[in-house]
Amino acid sequence: MKKNDTPQDNICTHRGVKKALYISNDDGSYDIEPSSGWEIEELATMQAVEEFKRLEKEAFEQYIKQEKSPLEVWMYKRRMTLKTLSECTGFWQISIKRDFKYKRFLRLKPSRLAVYADVFDITQSELLDPTKLEQ
């Protein structure tokens, strides 16, 4: 990408902050050029955010029915995937999937709940209290 080709679409997802893009200059080396983003980048980001909101709502409805734990709701609320949550907690994905089960979640040790709460940047009581899940 050349300097003149650097996108400057002022997308809303950047909120006025520019990000660095590597561009090639005339002598073939690379420079850093600030960019306010591409429209297509904004579209892709907004679609991903909407999908996380849909998944969060679906998980919340299952939580209300006591089919899923609030853990899954918080995961989507924080725009995480199972893989991301696994990497952040150090827990295996299969064990997190088991923790998504409502009855199992109620029996989790405080130390495990503390890890989840820390990753989500909430208190353990917020993790457990459905009224804290702002829908």
Foldseek 3Di string as FASTA:
>chain_A
DAPVPAAAPQAVVCVPDWDWDWHAYPVGDIDTDTHNDDPVVNVVVVVLLVVLVVQLVVLLVCVVVQQFALLSNLCSVLPHDLVRLCVQLVNDSVVVVVCRRRVVVVVDDPVSLCSSCVSSVHDSVLRRDSVNSDD
